[in-house]
Amino acid sequence: MQHSSPSSCRFARVRPGLAPARGFTLVELLVVVAIIGGLIGLLLPAVQSARAAARRTQCSVNIREVALGIIIYADAHRGRFPSRTHTDDDDRYLHWIEQLAPFVENVDLIRLCPDDPLGSLRMNGLPGSGIEFVDPLHPDEEKRFSPQTSYVANGYLSFDDQAARSKGINDLDKLIARSKTVMLFEKASDPAVLADTELQKNELLASHFDHTHSPTWFRWYPHMPTRVLDDITAEIQIDRHSGGSHFAYADGHVALISEDAIANWISAGYDFAKPNQ
């Protein structure tokens, strides 16, 4: 009778000293998933913070490039700033930033802040709406929408063809304290505008669409400081980047100013937009 060898048996014996192989239990798998989830939860805020910092830095770079473009433009025009709204010919919807195109590498790459929720609206308008100066496809070429920017000119710097219409200065060479004179702010943005076409139209046609009315901001001081703040925040965004926003100065440097600093300036009656202080 033929006998099978041990190696040919159906069930091989486990060699001494070796534990039998086994998979993860359900409890172990859940523990691993929980650990991974916890690590993702810890990393996500750091990733979001890094992305926010990158957007903030890009915004700072963009507003600085716009400010430098204005300075170069002024140097090429005997100190005169680009003209903005309220000019004699009332060409109010030709944004001043378009006049910088010959003096910067690519005006479309710097006109918007990455954190501006209305950036797409400012760039594209309302195609197909048929609204004058809001629709880039308007049949009348002279009434077509002109792309705007996330940055708004200080109203004290007139940017006008006629300085008599403002209390400001229309010549860069007349600034004796460039490093202390704000040239550009970040424009106010209300995300609620995106939910209403009428609000979007009003935003694009607003009288402060390219400049602030800063000479009137402190008219309510000291009796109504909250009204001063309301007028300021209606035109500039003071909390876009973790409680602060960028100010571009007439010497080309950019500073991130906190909303707390602005509140303190208002309390002290310091008209921070006024030139040559």
Protein backbone atom coordinates (compact mmCIF):
# COMPACT_ATOMS: atom_id res chain seq x y z
CA MET A 1 0.00 0.00 0.00
CA GLN A 2 1.42 3.37 -1.02
CA HIS A 3 1.70 6.03 1.68
CA SER A 4 1.65 9.76 1.08
CA SER A 5 4.57 11.83 2.23
CA PRO A 6 3.89 14.54 4.86
CA SER A 7 4.57 17.28 2.30
CA SER A 8 1.79 16.01 0.08
CA CYS A 9 -0.87 16.01 2.77
CA ARG A 10 -3.90 18.23 2.25
CA PHE A 11 -3.21 20.22 5.39
CA ALA A 12 0.39 21.20 5.97
CA ARG A 13 1.54 21.56 9.49
CA VAL A 14 2.48 25.02 10.74
CA ARG A 15 6.16 25.27 11.26
CA PRO A 16 7.15 25.80 14.84
CA GLY A 17 7.85 29.46 15.77
CA LEU A 18 5.66 31.04 13.02
CA ALA A 19 2.31 32.68 13.86
CA PRO A 20 -0.54 32.06 11.44
CA ALA A 21 -1.18 34.98 9.00
CA ARG A 22 -4.32 37.05 9.63
CA GLY A 23 -5.91 40.31 8.31
CA PHE A 24 -7.03 43.46 10.12
CA THR A 25 -9.98 43.21 12.41
CA LEU A 26 -12.85 45.68 11.96
CA VAL A 27 -11.86 47.50 15.14
CA GLU A 28 -8.28 47.93 13.97
CA LEU A 29 -9.47 49.22 10.59
CA LEU A 30 -11.74 51.77 12.28
CA VAL A 31 -8.87 52.94 14.47
CA VAL A 32 -6.64 53.48 11.40
CA VAL A 33 -9.41 55.40 9.63
CA ALA A 34 -9.94 57.55 12.73
CA ILE A 35 -6.22 58.32 12.93
CA ILE A 36 -6.07 59.28 9.25
CA GLY A 37 -9.18 61.43 9.65
CA GLY A 38 -7.62 63.16 12.66
CA LEU A 39 -4.41 63.88 10.72
CA ILE A 40 -6.42 65.32 7.81
CA GLY A 41 -8.34 67.46 10.28
CA LEU A 42 -5.06 68.80 11.67
CA LEU A 43 -3.53 69.40 8.24
CA LEU A 44 -6.54 71.01 6.57
CA PRO A 45 -6.38 74.32 8.51
CA ALA A 46 -2.66 74.53 7.77
CA VAL A 47 -3.30 73.98 4.05
CA GLN A 48 -6.09 76.57 4.04
CA SER A 49 -3.87 79.02 5.90
CA ALA A 50 -1.06 78.50 3.39
CA ARG A 51 -3.44 79.08 0.48
CA ALA A 52 -4.82 82.23 2.12
CA ALA A 53 -1.28 83.50 2.65
CA ALA A 54 -0.48 82.83 -1.02
CA ARG A 55 -3.57 84.75 -2.15
CA ARG A 56 -2.74 87.61 0.21
CA THR A 57 0.79 87.78 -1.13
CA GLN A 58 -0.46 87.77 -4.73
CA CYS A 59 -2.87 90.57 -3.91
CA SER A 60 -0.02 92.58 -2.41
CA VAL A 61 2.07 92.02 -5.53
CA ASN A 62 -0.80 93.02 -7.82
CA ILE A 63 -1.69 96.25 -6.05
CA ARG A 64 1.98 97.19 -5.95
CA GLU A 65 2.32 96.61 -9.70
CA VAL A 66 -0.76 98.77 -10.31
CA ALA A 67 0.69 101.54 -8.12
CA LEU A 68 4.01 101.37 -9.95
CA GLY A 69 2.13 101.55 -13.25
CA ILE A 70 0.47 104.77 -12.09
CA ILE A 71 3.82 106.22 -11.07
CA ILE A 72 5.35 105.37 -14.45
CA TYR A 73 2.30 106.80 -16.22
CA ALA A 74 2.59 110.02 -14.20
CA ASP A 75 6.31 110.31 -14.94
CA ALA A 76 5.50 110.01 -18.65
CA HIS A 77 2.78 112.68 -18.42
CA ARG A 78 4.59 115.43 -16.50
CA GLY A 79 3.26 114.22 -13.18
CA ARG A 80 -0.39 113.91 -14.15
CA PHE A 81 -2.36 110.92 -12.90
CA PRO A 82 -4.53 108.85 -15.23
CA SER A 83 -7.96 110.45 -15.61
CA ARG A 84 -10.88 108.76 -13.88
CA THR A 85 -14.63 109.44 -13.67
CA HIS A 86 -16.18 112.92 -13.59
CA THR A 87 -13.95 114.15 -16.40
CA ASP A 88 -15.10 116.97 -18.69
CA ASP A 89 -16.22 114.63 -21.46
CA ASP A 90 -17.98 112.42 -18.88
CA ASP A 91 -16.27 109.30 -20.20
CA ARG A 92 -17.01 107.84 -16.78
CA TYR A 93 -16.93 104.14 -17.61
CA LEU A 94 -13.48 103.99 -19.12
CA HIS A 95 -11.62 102.70 -16.10
CA TRP A 96 -8.34 104.47 -15.33
CA ILE A 97 -6.57 101.12 -15.07
CA GLU A 98 -6.92 100.66 -18.84
CA GLN A 99 -4.67 103.70 -19.29
CA LEU A 100 -1.87 101.79 -17.55
CA ALA A 101 -1.73 99.07 -20.21
CA PRO A 102 1.28 100.58 -22.06
CA PHE A 103 3.18 100.93 -18.77
CA VAL A 104 2.76 97.46 -17.23
CA GLU A 105 3.54 94.01 -18.60
CA ASN A 106 -0.06 92.73 -18.55
CA VAL A 107 -2.79 94.82 -16.97
CA ASP A 108 -5.25 91.90 -16.84
CA LEU A 109 -2.88 89.85 -14.68
CA ILE A 110 -2.70 92.51 -11.95
CA ARG A 111 -6.08 94.23 -11.97
CA LEU A 112 -7.77 91.77 -9.57
CA CYS A 113 -7.13 90.59 -6.02
CA PRO A 114 -7.47 86.78 -5.77
CA ASP A 115 -9.57 87.24 -2.62
CA ASP A 116 -12.03 89.66 -4.22
CA PRO A 117 -15.40 87.83 -4.34
CA LEU A 118 -16.57 90.21 -7.08
CA GLY A 119 -13.44 89.74 -9.18
CA SER A 120 -15.22 87.89 -12.00
CA LEU A 121 -17.99 90.50 -12.12
CA ARG A 122 -15.46 93.33 -12.26
CA MET A 123 -13.60 91.58 -15.07
CA ASN A 124 -16.50 90.32 -17.20
CA GLY A 125 -19.50 92.55 -16.48
CA LEU A 126 -22.92 91.14 -17.38
CA PRO A 127 -22.68 89.73 -20.92
CA GLY A 128 -26.01 89.66 -22.72
CA SER A 129 -27.77 91.94 -20.26
CA GLY A 130 -28.10 94.80 -22.75
CA ILE A 131 -27.40 97.32 -19.98
CA GLU A 132 -25.30 100.31 -21.00
CA PHE A 133 -21.74 100.27 -19.58
CA VAL A 134 -22.47 96.89 -17.94
CA ASP A 135 -22.75 94.64 -20.99
CA PRO A 136 -19.46 93.96 -22.84
CA LEU A 137 -21.57 92.88 -25.84
CA HIS A 138 -23.66 96.02 -26.01
CA PRO A 139 -24.45 96.95 -29.67
CA ASP A 140 -23.12 100.48 -29.16
CA GLU A 141 -19.34 100.11 -28.89
CA GLU A 142 -19.08 103.37 -26.95
CA LYS A 143 -21.43 101.98 -24.31
CA ARG A 144 -19.80 98.61 -23.82
CA PHE A 145 -18.54 97.51 -20.43
CA SER A 146 -14.89 98.22 -19.65
CA PRO A 147 -13.24 95.79 -17.20
CA GLN A 148 -12.65 97.20 -13.74
CA THR A 149 -10.29 96.35 -10.89
CA SER A 150 -10.21 95.27 -7.25
CA TYR A 151 -8.27 98.41 -6.40
CA VAL A 152 -9.74 101.86 -6.02
CA ALA A 153 -7.99 105.24 -6.26
CA ASN A 154 -7.79 107.55 -3.28
CA GLY A 155 -10.25 110.37 -3.98
CA TYR A 156 -7.83 112.92 -2.53
CA LEU A 157 -5.62 112.26 -5.55
CA SER A 158 -7.98 113.69 -8.08
CA PHE A 159 -7.12 111.52 -11.10
CA ASP A 160 -9.22 114.13 -12.91
CA ASP A 161 -8.67 116.24 -15.99
CA GLN A 162 -9.81 119.19 -13.84
CA ALA A 163 -8.55 119.33 -10.25
CA ALA A 164 -11.16 122.01 -9.47
CA ARG A 165 -13.74 119.27 -9.10
CA SER A 166 -12.07 117.79 -6.05
CA LYS A 167 -10.20 118.77 -2.93
CA GLY A 168 -7.25 116.72 -4.02
CA ILE A 169 -4.03 116.75 -5.98
CA ASN A 170 -3.85 115.84 -9.65
CA ASP A 171 -0.07 115.81 -9.97
CA LEU A 172 2.29 113.23 -8.52
CA ASP A 173 5.07 115.80 -8.40
CA LYS A 174 3.00 117.88 -5.95
CA LEU A 175 3.18 115.16 -3.33
CA ILE A 176 5.84 116.07 -0.79
CA ALA A 177 5.35 112.95 1.32
CA ARG A 178 4.86 110.09 -1.12
CA SER A 179 5.69 107.40 1.40
CA LYS A 180 2.85 108.65 3.64
CA THR A 181 0.25 109.26 0.93
CA VAL A 182 -2.11 106.41 0.11
CA MET A 183 -2.63 106.01 -3.63
CA LEU A 184 -4.80 102.87 -3.77
CA PHE A 185 -7.11 100.92 -1.48
CA GLU A 186 -8.78 97.55 -1.89
CA LYS A 187 -12.27 98.13 -3.19
CA ALA A 188 -15.26 97.13 -1.03
CA SER A 189 -17.00 93.91 -2.06
CA ASP A 190 -20.36 92.61 -0.84
CA PRO A 191 -20.74 88.91 -1.76
CA ALA A 192 -24.54 89.30 -1.56
CA VAL A 193 -24.30 91.26 -4.83
CA LEU A 194 -23.67 88.00 -6.70
CA ALA A 195 -27.19 86.75 -5.96
CA ASP A 196 -29.01 89.68 -7.59
CA THR A 197 -28.57 90.98 -11.15
CA GLU A 198 -29.89 94.41 -10.19
CA LEU A 199 -27.31 94.69 -7.41
CA GLN A 200 -24.60 93.64 -9.85
CA LYS A 201 -25.68 96.37 -12.26
CA ASN A 202 -25.66 98.94 -9.47
CA GLU A 203 -22.21 97.79 -8.39
CA LEU A 204 -20.78 98.28 -11.87
CA LEU A 205 -22.43 101.68 -12.25
CA ALA A 206 -21.70 103.01 -8.75
CA SER A 207 -20.22 106.48 -8.49
CA HIS A 208 -17.25 105.09 -6.57
CA PHE A 209 -16.51 102.36 -9.10
CA ASP A 210 -12.93 103.59 -9.66
CA HIS A 211 -12.24 106.04 -6.82
CA THR A 212 -13.22 106.75 -3.24
CA HIS A 213 -14.89 109.87 -1.86
CA SER A 214 -12.29 110.08 0.88
CA PRO A 215 -12.39 113.91 1.19
CA THR A 216 -15.85 113.49 2.76
CA TRP A 217 -15.15 110.52 5.04
CA PHE A 218 -14.45 112.54 8.17
CA ARG A 219 -17.23 115.11 7.77
CA TRP A 220 -19.14 113.30 10.52
CA TYR A 221 -16.25 113.41 12.98
CA PRO A 222 -16.31 113.71 16.00
CA HIS A 223 -20.08 113.61 16.48
CA MET A 224 -20.77 110.41 14.51
CA PRO A 225 -17.64 108.23 14.37
CA THR A 226 -19.72 105.19 13.40
CA ARG A 227 -20.93 107.10 10.34
CA VAL A 228 -17.30 107.76 9.43
CA LEU A 229 -16.62 104.02 9.55
CA ASP A 230 -19.77 103.30 7.53
CA ASP A 231 -18.71 105.70 4.77
CA ILE A 232 -15.21 104.20 4.68
CA THR A 233 -16.34 100.56 4.57
CA ALA A 234 -18.89 101.38 1.86
CA GLU A 235 -15.97 102.14 -0.43
CA ILE A 236 -12.94 100.17 0.75
CA GLN A 237 -12.58 96.65 2.15
CA ILE A 238 -10.76 96.88 5.48
CA ASP A 239 -10.90 93.19 6.47
CA ARG A 240 -10.24 91.21 3.28
CA HIS A 241 -7.11 89.45 4.55
CA SER A 242 -7.61 88.11 8.07
CA GLY A 243 -8.74 91.43 9.48
CA GLY A 244 -6.68 93.72 7.28
CA SER A 245 -6.28 95.08 3.76
CA HIS A 246 -3.56 96.47 1.51
CA PHE A 247 -2.79 100.17 1.11
CA ALA A 248 -0.54 101.13 -1.80
CA TYR A 249 1.41 104.35 -1.30
CA ALA A 250 2.59 106.96 -3.79
CA ASP A 251 6.22 105.84 -3.50
CA GLY A 252 5.25 102.31 -4.62
CA HIS A 253 5.38 100.47 -1.29
CA VAL A 254 2.45 98.43 0.04
CA ALA A 255 1.37 97.94 3.65
CA LEU A 256 -1.15 95.54 5.16
CA ILE A 257 -3.24 97.73 7.47
CA SER A 258 -5.40 96.08 10.12
CA GLU A 259 -9.02 97.07 10.61
CA ASP A 260 -8.15 97.74 14.27
CA ALA A 261 -5.63 100.36 13.16
CA ILE A 262 -8.29 102.04 11.03
CA ALA A 263 -10.72 102.00 13.97
CA ASN A 264 -8.06 103.68 16.12
CA TRP A 265 -7.41 106.30 13.43
CA ILE A 266 -11.11 107.08 13.26
CA SER A 267 -11.30 107.42 17.04
CA ALA A 268 -8.37 109.85 16.94
CA GLY A 269 -9.79 111.80 14.00
CA TYR A 270 -6.82 110.92 11.80
CA ASP A 271 -7.78 111.34 8.14
CA PHE A 272 -5.44 108.63 6.89
CA ALA A 273 -6.33 109.17 3.21
CA LYS A 274 -5.31 112.82 3.18
CA PRO A 275 -2.05 113.43 1.24
CA ASN A 276 1.22 114.82 2.60
CA GLN A 277 0.68 114.03 6.26
